[in-house]
Amino acid sequence: MALSFTAIDFETANARRGSICSVGLTKVINGVVTATTSWLITPPDDGGFDDFNIKIHGITAHDVRDAPTWASSLSRILDFIDGDIVVAHNAAFDAGALREACDFAGLAWPILDYTCTLVMSRALLDLPAYKLPWVADALAIPTFDHHEAGADATAAALIAIALAESKSAMTIQDLVVHAGVKMGRIDPDSWSGSRKASKPARVRLDFEDLEIDPNGPMAGEVVCFTGKISWVREDAQAMVIRHGGSISKKPTQKTTVLVTGDFDERTFRPGMKYSSSLVKAFALVESGQPLEIMTESDFQQKFEPNEGIRELAGHS
């Protein structure tokens, strides 16, 4: 089996993606994990550590006071990758973190081809949610210390191996084709994301006087909101419709996305106690309905750009 790649995971110190404080790397050669490593990093930004991030991964400013810089870490990361295709779970975050960390440090973006086990899992599996613990649980990946960068990188690697085996894919490129996913790329001047083609538009005009993009990131989705979200509910609903989707007021057999404001990265995991709306959503998934449950941060990420160019050498 020629399935060879490097999986990566970053943890960050604060809300800035470039505030990288830890990295994990796992090497896969011919479908077998052959090496894994992780280390702490002095964040290249000046934003310090947020309590929210500390509660997620447990890393503090004290822990990184003697850690390597981003400049030296990037060189070490690229040496480990050694030209491989890179895999990450929610690669949009990790690729964005790498680019922004380079901006903070005044470094050139490296050349990397990458893909995303989150995007591929959405395409190939029928699950109620696709965060790392959910996909790992569905694929019988051994229990791991979520948000420890090395453990998360290894979990992403094992997910990619399991998905490839399920489709008899011999390479990461084969797996990407099976999933109908576009490979992502970073080069010194531009970037493009790893993503799946949008669903056909199915727009219901629930709001008047909205300019609608029928091919937007919510094309074909029927979205229901539950719990307390930070947005005004009507604004979030309008955002869905403007980007090609439609709204359901409660989970139904037509709902394809349920956005919950009751959970975040620390708490939304298999086995939790859920609200009545989420219980109904899980039942719909078990009955065979293609429905994904997202946290608010997952939902907001849907509207982020999928490609861009480097306009600044530094970051303020």
Protein backbone atom coordinates (compact mmCIF):
# COMPACT_ATOMS: atom_id res chain seq x y z
CA MET A 1 0.00 0.00 0.00
CA ALA A 2 1.55 3.27 -1.11
CA LEU A 3 -0.51 5.37 1.29
CA SER A 4 2.12 7.82 2.54
CA PHE A 5 1.65 11.29 4.04
CA THR A 6 2.27 13.45 7.13
CA ALA A 7 -0.54 14.41 9.51
CA ILE A 8 -0.31 17.68 11.44
CA ASP A 9 -2.12 19.44 14.26
CA PHE A 10 -1.61 22.87 15.82
CA GLU A 11 -2.81 24.25 19.16
CA THR A 12 -3.06 28.01 19.63
CA ALA A 13 -2.61 30.39 22.53
CA ASN A 14 -5.50 32.74 21.80
CA ALA A 15 -8.19 33.59 19.25
CA ARG A 16 -5.57 34.41 16.60
CA ARG A 17 -4.93 31.36 14.46
CA GLY A 18 -1.28 32.28 14.10
CA SER A 19 -0.69 32.12 17.87
CA ILE A 20 0.67 28.58 17.57
CA CYS A 21 1.90 27.19 20.88
CA SER A 22 2.20 23.50 20.03
CA VAL A 23 2.55 21.23 17.01
CA GLY A 24 2.06 17.51 16.50
CA LEU A 25 3.28 15.52 13.50
CA THR A 26 2.72 11.91 12.47
CA LYS A 27 4.43 10.19 9.55
CA VAL A 28 2.65 7.44 7.60
CA ILE A 29 4.56 5.30 5.09
CA ASN A 30 2.81 2.59 3.09
CA GLY A 31 -0.26 2.79 5.32
CA VAL A 32 1.64 2.41 8.60
CA VAL A 33 2.45 5.03 11.25
CA THR A 34 6.24 5.13 11.38
CA ALA A 35 7.03 8.22 13.47
CA THR A 36 5.31 10.82 15.61
CA THR A 37 6.59 13.90 17.39
CA SER A 38 5.30 17.01 19.10
CA TRP A 39 6.72 20.04 20.89
CA LEU A 40 5.79 23.36 22.42
CA ILE A 41 6.36 26.61 20.51
CA THR A 42 6.73 30.22 21.61
CA PRO A 43 3.74 31.87 19.86
CA PRO A 44 4.93 34.30 17.18
CA ASP A 45 2.21 36.86 17.98
CA ASP A 46 1.96 39.16 21.00
CA GLY A 47 -1.54 38.20 22.09
CA GLY A 48 -0.64 36.09 25.10
CA PHE A 49 -2.70 33.13 26.31
CA ASP A 50 -6.50 33.26 26.59
CA ASP A 51 -8.19 31.39 29.43
CA PHE A 52 -10.48 29.70 26.91
CA ASN A 53 -7.54 28.20 25.00
CA ILE A 54 -5.75 27.17 28.18
CA LYS A 55 -8.86 25.27 29.28
CA ILE A 56 -8.89 23.44 25.96
CA HIS A 57 -5.25 22.27 25.79
CA GLY A 58 -3.73 23.09 29.20
CA ILE A 59 -0.71 24.97 27.80
CA THR A 60 0.25 28.21 29.56
CA ALA A 61 2.69 31.06 28.97
CA HIS A 62 4.96 29.55 31.62
CA ASP A 63 5.10 26.28 29.67
CA VAL A 64 6.43 27.95 26.50
CA ARG A 65 8.82 30.50 28.02
CA ASP A 66 11.86 28.46 26.86
CA ALA A 67 10.19 26.83 23.83
CA PRO A 68 11.55 27.13 20.28
CA THR A 69 10.47 30.04 18.11
CA TRP A 70 8.11 29.66 15.18
CA ALA A 71 11.00 30.23 12.76
CA SER A 72 13.00 27.28 14.07
CA SER A 73 9.87 25.18 14.45
CA LEU A 74 8.78 25.78 10.87
CA SER A 75 12.13 24.53 9.59
CA ARG A 76 11.80 21.43 11.77
CA ILE A 77 8.19 20.86 10.64
CA LEU A 78 9.15 21.05 6.97
CA ASP A 79 12.05 18.67 7.52
CA PHE A 80 9.66 16.15 9.09
CA ILE A 81 7.12 16.54 6.28
CA ASP A 82 9.89 16.09 3.71
CA GLY A 83 7.69 16.81 0.69
CA ASP A 84 4.72 14.68 1.77
CA ILE A 85 1.12 15.61 1.21
CA VAL A 86 -0.10 16.95 4.54
CA VAL A 87 -3.29 15.75 6.23
CA ALA A 88 -5.17 17.48 9.06
CA HIS A 89 -8.59 17.23 10.64
CA ASN A 90 -10.14 20.63 9.93
CA ALA A 91 -7.24 21.56 7.69
CA ALA A 92 -8.76 24.98 7.08
CA PHE A 93 -7.78 25.86 10.65
CA ASP A 94 -4.30 24.32 10.58
CA ALA A 95 -3.40 25.74 7.16
CA GLY A 96 -4.65 29.15 8.26
CA ALA A 97 -2.65 28.89 11.49
CA LEU A 98 0.53 28.10 9.56
CA ARG A 99 0.05 31.00 7.15
CA GLU A 100 -0.75 33.50 9.89
CA ALA A 101 2.13 32.35 12.10
CA CYS A 102 4.47 32.96 9.16
CA ASP A 103 2.93 36.42 8.72
CA PHE A 104 3.50 37.23 12.39
CA ALA A 105 7.12 36.06 12.15
CA GLY A 106 7.80 37.74 8.79
CA LEU A 107 8.53 34.41 7.10
CA ALA A 108 7.66 33.22 3.60
CA TRP A 109 4.81 30.77 3.28
CA PRO A 110 6.15 27.29 2.47
CA ILE A 111 4.97 25.17 -0.45
CA LEU A 112 2.57 22.48 0.82
CA ASP A 113 -0.14 20.32 -0.72
CA TYR A 114 -2.72 19.24 1.84
CA THR A 115 -6.11 17.68 2.39
CA CYS A 116 -8.62 17.41 5.21
CA THR A 117 -9.97 14.35 7.01
CA LEU A 118 -12.91 16.43 8.26
CA VAL A 119 -14.00 17.24 4.70
CA MET A 120 -13.40 13.67 3.54
CA SER A 121 -15.29 12.24 6.53
CA ARG A 122 -18.26 14.45 5.71
CA ALA A 123 -18.19 13.04 2.17
CA LEU A 124 -17.67 9.36 3.03
CA LEU A 125 -19.37 8.78 6.40
CA ASP A 126 -22.89 9.26 7.76
CA LEU A 127 -22.39 10.69 11.25
CA PRO A 128 -24.26 13.19 13.43
CA ALA A 129 -21.08 15.29 13.80
CA TYR A 130 -17.61 15.25 12.27
CA LYS A 131 -15.30 16.70 14.91
CA LEU A 132 -12.21 14.62 15.58
CA PRO A 133 -13.60 12.63 18.57
CA TRP A 134 -16.79 11.75 16.66
CA VAL A 135 -14.99 10.48 13.56
CA ALA A 136 -12.38 8.62 15.62
CA ASP A 137 -15.13 6.94 17.64
CA ALA A 138 -17.01 5.90 14.47
CA LEU A 139 -13.86 4.39 12.95
CA ALA A 140 -12.83 2.60 16.17
CA ILE A 141 -9.68 4.69 16.57
CA PRO A 142 -8.17 4.05 20.02
CA THR A 143 -8.97 6.58 22.75
CA PHE A 144 -6.60 9.56 22.68
CA ASP A 145 -5.88 12.79 24.56
CA HIS A 146 -7.87 15.24 22.44
CA HIS A 147 -6.17 18.66 22.04
CA GLU A 148 -2.73 17.26 22.75
CA ALA A 149 -1.20 18.07 19.38
CA GLY A 150 0.72 14.83 18.93
CA ALA A 151 -2.29 12.71 19.84
CA ASP A 152 -4.57 14.68 17.51
CA ALA A 153 -2.12 14.36 14.62
CA THR A 154 -1.95 10.60 15.13
CA ALA A 155 -5.74 10.37 15.33
CA ALA A 156 -6.04 12.28 12.03
CA ALA A 157 -3.48 9.93 10.46
CA LEU A 158 -5.38 6.85 11.62
CA ILE A 159 -8.64 8.32 10.29
CA ALA A 160 -7.06 8.87 6.88
CA ILE A 161 -5.76 5.28 6.89
CA ALA A 162 -9.18 3.91 7.88
CA LEU A 163 -10.98 5.96 5.21
CA ALA A 164 -8.47 4.82 2.58
CA GLU A 165 -8.94 1.17 3.57
CA SER A 166 -12.72 1.54 3.39
CA LYS A 167 -12.45 2.69 -0.23
CA SER A 168 -9.45 0.51 -1.21
CA ALA A 169 -7.60 3.75 -1.96
CA MET A 170 -3.91 3.13 -2.53
CA THR A 171 -2.75 6.73 -2.09
CA ILE A 172 -3.97 9.96 -0.51
CA GLN A 173 -4.62 11.22 -4.05
CA ASP A 174 -6.87 8.18 -4.65
CA LEU A 175 -8.74 8.87 -1.40
CA VAL A 176 -9.28 12.51 -2.33
CA VAL A 177 -10.78 11.40 -5.65
CA HIS A 178 -13.08 8.87 -3.95
CA ALA A 179 -14.31 11.60 -1.60
CA GLY A 180 -14.83 14.12 -4.40
CA VAL A 181 -12.59 16.58 -2.56
CA LYS A 182 -10.25 19.20 -3.97
CA MET A 183 -6.66 19.14 -2.74
CA GLY A 184 -5.53 22.27 -0.92
CA ARG A 185 -2.27 24.09 -1.55
CA ILE A 186 -0.10 26.77 0.02
CA ASP A 187 2.70 28.48 -1.87
CA PRO A 188 4.65 31.67 -1.12
CA ASP A 189 2.12 33.94 -2.88
CA SER A 190 -1.30 32.27 -2.58
CA TRP A 191 -3.38 29.49 -1.07
CA SER A 192 -6.46 27.42 -1.85
CA GLY A 193 -8.44 25.22 0.50
CA SER A 194 -9.25 21.52 0.48
CA ARG A 195 -13.00 21.31 0.05
CA LYS A 196 -15.85 19.34 -1.45
CA ALA A 197 -17.99 20.68 -4.26
CA SER A 198 -21.14 22.50 -3.11
CA LYS A 199 -24.50 20.78 -3.15
CA PRO A 200 -27.03 21.82 -5.80
CA ALA A 201 -28.91 24.90 -4.69
CA ARG A 202 -32.31 24.46 -3.09
CA VAL A 203 -33.31 27.94 -1.97
CA ARG A 204 -36.49 28.88 -0.15
CA LEU A 205 -36.99 32.64 0.00
CA ASP A 206 -37.95 33.05 3.67
CA PHE A 207 -36.54 36.58 3.90
CA GLU A 208 -37.48 39.46 1.63
CA ASP A 209 -35.03 41.75 -0.14
CA LEU A 210 -31.96 39.53 0.36
CA GLU A 211 -29.32 39.23 -2.34
CA ILE A 212 -28.87 35.49 -2.69
CA ASP A 213 -25.89 33.53 -3.98
CA PRO A 214 -27.40 30.18 -5.12
CA ASN A 215 -23.92 28.64 -5.30
CA GLY A 216 -22.77 29.87 -1.89
CA PRO A 217 -21.32 27.73 0.91
CA MET A 218 -24.79 26.83 2.22
CA ALA A 219 -26.21 25.85 -1.19
CA GLY A 220 -28.66 22.97 -0.80
CA GLU A 221 -28.53 23.02 3.01
CA VAL A 222 -31.61 23.25 5.24
CA VAL A 223 -30.39 24.72 8.53
CA CYS A 224 -31.94 24.68 12.00
CA PHE A 225 -30.56 26.63 14.98
CA THR A 226 -30.92 25.41 18.55
CA GLY A 227 -29.62 26.68 21.88
CA LYS A 228 -28.09 30.06 22.61
CA ILE A 229 -25.82 31.43 19.88
CA SER A 230 -23.79 34.64 20.00
CA TRP A 231 -25.38 35.97 16.80
CA VAL A 232 -28.85 37.47 16.63
CA ARG A 233 -30.84 34.43 15.45
CA GLU A 234 -32.44 36.32 12.55
CA ASP A 235 -29.02 37.51 11.35
CA ALA A 236 -27.69 33.94 11.33
CA GLN A 237 -30.75 32.74 9.44
CA ALA A 238 -30.38 35.53 6.90
CA MET A 239 -26.71 34.59 6.43
CA VAL A 240 -27.78 31.04 5.54
CA ILE A 241 -30.32 32.22 2.99
CA ARG A 242 -27.99 34.78 1.43
CA HIS A 243 -25.50 31.98 0.84
CA GLY A 244 -27.91 29.59 -0.87
CA GLY A 245 -29.52 27.68 2.00
CA SER A 246 -32.89 27.65 3.68
CA ILE A 247 -34.18 27.49 7.26
CA SER A 248 -36.18 25.02 9.31
CA LYS A 249 -37.43 26.17 12.71
CA LYS A 250 -37.02 22.71 14.27
CA PRO A 251 -35.25 19.50 13.21
CA THR A 252 -37.30 17.76 10.51
CA GLN A 253 -36.69 15.13 7.86
CA LYS A 254 -35.62 17.95 5.52
CA THR A 255 -33.01 19.41 7.90
CA THR A 256 -29.41 18.86 6.77
CA VAL A 257 -27.55 21.01 9.33
CA LEU A 258 -28.35 21.61 13.01
CA VAL A 259 -26.30 24.41 14.59
CA THR A 260 -26.13 24.13 18.38
CA GLY A 261 -25.03 27.00 20.59
CA ASP A 262 -24.94 24.84 23.72
CA PHE A 263 -21.57 23.18 23.15
CA ASP A 264 -18.02 24.15 22.21
CA GLU A 265 -14.71 22.43 21.54
CA ARG A 266 -14.39 21.42 25.19
CA THR A 267 -17.81 19.84 25.63
CA PHE A 268 -19.24 18.59 22.31
CA ARG A 269 -18.19 14.94 22.32
CA PRO A 270 -19.84 11.53 22.02
CA GLY A 271 -21.73 10.41 25.13
CA MET A 272 -22.76 13.84 26.41
CA LYS A 273 -26.25 14.61 27.70
CA TYR A 274 -28.12 16.46 24.96
CA SER A 275 -31.15 18.75 24.62
CA SER A 276 -34.43 17.48 23.17
CA SER A 277 -33.62 19.08 19.79
CA LEU A 278 -30.27 17.32 19.64
CA VAL A 279 -31.81 14.01 20.75
CA LYS A 280 -34.27 14.32 17.86
CA ALA A 281 -31.43 15.17 15.48
CA PHE A 282 -29.46 12.09 16.57
CA ALA A 283 -32.56 9.97 15.98
CA LEU A 284 -32.93 11.41 12.49
CA VAL A 285 -29.30 10.52 11.71
CA GLU A 286 -29.79 6.98 13.03
CA SER A 287 -32.81 6.61 10.74
CA GLY A 288 -30.58 7.35 7.76
CA GLN A 289 -31.10 11.08 7.28
CA PRO A 290 -27.99 12.98 6.08
CA LEU A 291 -27.80 15.60 8.85
CA GLU A 292 -24.75 17.18 10.48
CA ILE A 293 -24.74 18.73 13.94
CA MET A 294 -22.36 21.70 14.14
CA THR A 295 -21.16 23.99 16.90
CA GLU A 296 -21.42 27.71 16.23
CA SER A 297 -17.70 27.89 15.37
CA ASP A 298 -18.17 25.13 12.76
CA PHE A 299 -21.04 27.12 11.26
CA GLN A 300 -19.06 30.36 11.12
CA GLN A 301 -16.18 28.59 9.41
CA LYS A 302 -18.50 27.72 6.51
CA PHE A 303 -18.38 31.37 5.45
CA GLU A 304 -14.61 31.76 5.44
CA PRO A 305 -12.82 32.19 2.08
CA ASN A 306 -11.52 29.11 0.27
CA GLU A 307 -8.58 30.78 -1.40
CA GLY A 308 -6.49 33.93 -1.22
CA ILE A 309 -3.25 35.67 -1.99
CA ARG A 310 -0.57 36.94 0.35
CA GLU A 311 -0.88 40.70 0.54
CA LEU A 312 1.38 41.45 3.53
CA ALA A 313 4.75 40.20 4.65
CA GLY A 314 3.93 40.96 8.27
CA HIS A 315 0.87 41.07 10.51
CA SER A 316 -0.24 43.83 12.83
